[in-house]
Every structure is written in structure tokens, then in C-alpha cells.
Amino acid sequence: MVQIRTIRSFWNRAAEENPHWYVSSYGSYDADRNLDEFWASGRTIWSDIKRVIGYTPESSDTVVEIGCGVGRLTRVIAPEVGQVIALDISEKMLAIARQANLPNVDFRVAQGFALPGIPDRSVTLSLGYCVFQHLPSLMALKSYLAEMAPCH
């Protein structure tokens, strides 16, 4: 798939250039990024997600995170659940995310717009935070949504 290679190439370049800005474009591209603030924003976002959807994590839960980037949300989700399957199209973003050494996280390179290897009804929660606007087409979005629904 040429389109997938093009998208992967873009996000790999983004990971090399300024990965935290590409995950959260808060502030100037050229400004020194306050990484403590960046990681703290993950805690705030996760708290908001749980409150809005009425989700209470349990140690037996499995969460799928689509478009995990450098792992901003992954780092705060992982301590609250049994397993996180964190996908991203960029191997280089995943390399940064893996530096957190989270024992219950399976970081995976996304293959197209699907969730291969995740059995139906094996996931407690699947989410993609600020990810779907980057998809190249409505077809790609529909593919992900169709994959996410039977996971539960």
C-alpha cells in the first residue's frame, strides 16, 4: 500500500524532527518543550476520558490505544489496567514510547487501518485520542471503527 508507506514516512520524519510537538502542537514548533508539562497533559487527558465515558479501569482490563505516538497516554493507562495494546504507524514514534519500559504494554506497528491479531471481544476499551483526523479517508476511519466495535 503506497498510501500507508507515505503516511508512515511522514510520521517517522515527525518523530525525528520534533516528536512531542507532533503529538501535541501546543506552543510554538521552535520553542523548547516542557516535557514535564507534556507528560502531565497525558494524565489530564486520561482523567477526562474516563470521566466523560464513565470508565473505571480494572486490573483485568485490556485497552487498545490506536495512534499511541510517543506514549503520552500509554504511560498513564498502563498502571491502571492489566494490558495495553498500543499501536502506531511510526516505528520511530514507537521506539520513543518503548523507552518508558512499561511491562504490560505490547507496542505494535499499525498495519493499515485494521487491528490484526486482536481477537473479537477480548478488549475492554479501545480508543484513539486525537488520531482519526490524521486518517487519509473516510474509508480508513470506517475500517478502524468496524475493527474497534467487535473488540468489545
Protein backbone atom coordinates (compact mmCIF):
# COMPACT_ATOMS: atom_id res chain seq x y z
CA MET A 1 0.00 0.00 0.00
CA VAL A 2 1.67 3.16 -1.20
CA GLN A 3 -0.61 5.33 0.94
CA ILE A 4 0.42 3.52 4.14
CA ARG A 5 4.11 3.89 3.26
CA THR A 6 3.64 7.62 2.65
CA ILE A 7 1.84 8.11 5.96
CA ARG A 8 4.41 6.01 7.82
CA SER A 9 7.22 8.00 6.23
CA PHE A 10 5.64 11.30 7.33
CA TRP A 11 5.25 10.17 10.95
CA ASN A 12 8.74 8.68 11.06
CA ARG A 13 10.13 12.05 9.91
CA ALA A 14 7.98 13.78 12.53
CA ALA A 15 9.45 11.50 15.20
CA GLU A 16 12.94 12.51 14.14
CA GLU A 17 12.20 16.24 13.89
CA ASN A 18 10.03 17.08 16.88
CA PRO A 19 8.01 14.11 18.17
CA HIS A 20 6.41 15.78 21.19
CA TRP A 21 5.18 18.73 19.12
CA TYR A 22 3.67 16.42 16.51
CA VAL A 23 1.80 14.58 19.29
CA SER A 24 0.66 17.85 20.88
CA SER A 25 1.13 21.03 18.87
CA TYR A 26 0.55 23.19 21.91
CA GLY A 27 3.00 26.08 21.72
CA SER A 28 5.49 27.08 19.09
CA TYR A 29 7.24 24.46 16.97
CA ASP A 30 10.61 26.03 17.66
CA ALA A 31 10.16 26.60 21.40
CA ASP A 32 11.84 24.41 23.96
CA ARG A 33 9.21 21.93 25.06
CA ASN A 34 8.48 21.49 28.76
CA LEU A 35 8.37 17.69 28.82
CA ASP A 36 7.07 17.57 32.39
CA GLU A 37 4.05 19.55 31.18
CA PHE A 38 3.75 17.31 28.11
CA TRP A 39 3.63 14.11 30.17
CA ALA A 40 1.31 15.72 32.77
CA SER A 41 -1.13 16.55 29.97
CA GLY A 42 -1.47 12.80 29.40
CA ARG A 43 -2.71 12.37 32.97
CA THR A 44 -5.26 15.15 32.46
CA ILE A 45 -6.48 13.75 29.15
CA TRP A 46 -6.82 10.21 30.57
CA SER A 47 -8.74 11.53 33.56
CA ASP A 48 -11.09 13.45 31.25
CA ILE A 49 -11.63 10.41 29.01
CA LYS A 50 -12.52 8.20 31.98
CA ARG A 51 -14.92 10.80 33.37
CA VAL A 52 -16.67 11.50 30.06
CA ILE A 53 -17.21 7.85 29.10
CA GLY A 54 -17.80 6.63 32.66
CA TYR A 55 -14.90 4.19 32.60
CA THR A 56 -13.37 2.77 35.77
CA PRO A 57 -10.21 0.81 34.95
CA GLU A 58 -9.65 -2.60 36.49
CA SER A 59 -6.51 -4.70 36.72
CA SER A 60 -8.06 -7.33 34.43
CA ASP A 61 -8.86 -4.86 31.62
CA THR A 62 -7.24 -4.80 28.20
CA VAL A 63 -7.09 -1.42 26.47
CA VAL A 64 -6.25 -0.85 22.82
CA GLU A 65 -4.78 2.55 22.05
CA ILE A 66 -4.72 3.46 18.36
CA GLY A 67 -2.12 6.06 17.44
CA CYS A 68 -0.16 5.99 20.69
CA GLY A 69 2.65 8.14 19.31
CA VAL A 70 5.38 8.58 21.94
CA GLY A 71 3.18 7.02 24.63
CA ARG A 72 1.79 10.09 26.36
CA LEU A 73 -1.48 8.34 27.24
CA THR A 74 0.01 4.85 27.29
CA ARG A 75 2.15 5.79 30.30
CA VAL A 76 -0.88 6.71 32.40
CA ILE A 77 -3.22 3.98 31.17
CA ALA A 78 -0.79 1.11 31.77
CA PRO A 79 -0.58 1.30 35.60
CA GLU A 80 -4.39 1.16 35.85
CA VAL A 81 -5.12 -1.89 33.67
CA GLY A 82 -3.86 -5.41 33.04
CA GLN A 83 -2.68 -4.91 29.46
CA VAL A 84 -2.38 -2.16 26.86
CA ILE A 85 -2.01 -2.89 23.18
CA ALA A 86 -0.58 0.36 21.81
CA LEU A 87 -0.43 0.82 18.05
CA ASP A 88 1.20 3.47 15.93
CA ILE A 89 2.04 3.67 12.24
CA SER A 90 5.51 5.04 13.01
CA GLU A 91 8.25 2.70 14.14
CA LYS A 92 10.20 5.74 15.31
CA MET A 93 7.37 7.05 17.48
CA LEU A 94 7.05 3.56 18.97
CA ALA A 95 10.80 3.46 19.69
CA ILE A 96 10.36 6.59 21.81
CA ALA A 97 7.28 5.16 23.53
CA ARG A 98 9.12 1.91 24.35
CA GLN A 99 11.71 3.88 26.35
CA ALA A 100 9.16 4.00 29.20
CA ASN A 101 9.72 0.24 29.73
CA LEU A 102 6.10 -0.50 30.56
CA PRO A 103 5.89 -4.23 31.33
CA ASN A 104 2.19 -4.64 30.49
CA VAL A 105 2.27 -2.80 27.16
CA ASP A 106 2.52 -4.50 23.80
CA PHE A 107 3.69 -1.81 21.37
CA ARG A 108 2.82 -2.72 17.77
CA VAL A 109 3.36 -1.15 14.39
CA ALA A 110 -0.06 -0.48 12.87
CA GLN A 111 -0.62 -2.40 9.66
CA GLY A 112 -3.02 -0.41 7.54
CA PHE A 113 -6.28 0.66 9.13
CA ALA A 114 -7.07 -2.54 10.98
CA LEU A 115 -6.36 -4.21 14.30
CA PRO A 116 -4.82 -7.55 13.33
CA GLY A 117 -4.16 -10.15 15.98
CA ILE A 118 -6.68 -8.78 18.46
CA PRO A 119 -9.43 -11.34 18.98
CA ASP A 120 -13.05 -10.18 18.91
CA ARG A 121 -14.49 -9.40 22.33
CA SER A 122 -11.07 -9.50 24.01
CA VAL A 123 -10.77 -5.80 24.75
CA THR A 124 -12.37 -3.74 27.48
CA LEU A 125 -11.75 -0.34 25.90
CA SER A 126 -10.40 0.80 22.55
CA LEU A 127 -9.55 4.42 21.94
CA GLY A 128 -7.77 6.77 19.60
CA TYR A 129 -7.19 10.22 21.08
CA CYS A 130 -6.65 13.00 18.51
CA VAL A 131 -5.77 10.43 15.88
CA PHE A 132 -8.62 9.99 13.45
CA GLN A 133 -8.30 13.49 11.97
CA HIS A 134 -4.96 12.31 10.53
CA LEU A 135 -6.51 9.43 8.59
CA PRO A 136 -6.42 9.87 4.81
CA SER A 137 -10.03 8.98 4.07
CA LEU A 138 -13.47 8.21 5.38
CA MET A 139 -12.85 4.61 4.29
CA ALA A 140 -9.84 4.40 6.63
CA LEU A 141 -11.94 5.74 9.53
CA LYS A 142 -14.75 3.28 8.81
CA SER A 143 -12.22 0.44 8.73
CA TYR A 144 -10.90 1.32 12.18
CA LEU A 145 -14.38 1.80 13.65
CA ALA A 146 -15.55 -1.54 12.26
CA GLU A 147 -12.49 -3.19 13.81
CA MET A 148 -13.00 -1.48 17.16
CA ALA A 149 -16.66 -2.45 17.60
CA PRO A 150 -16.27 -6.26 17.66
CA CYS A 151 -13.29 -6.00 20.02
CA HIS A 152 -15.69 -5.38 22.90
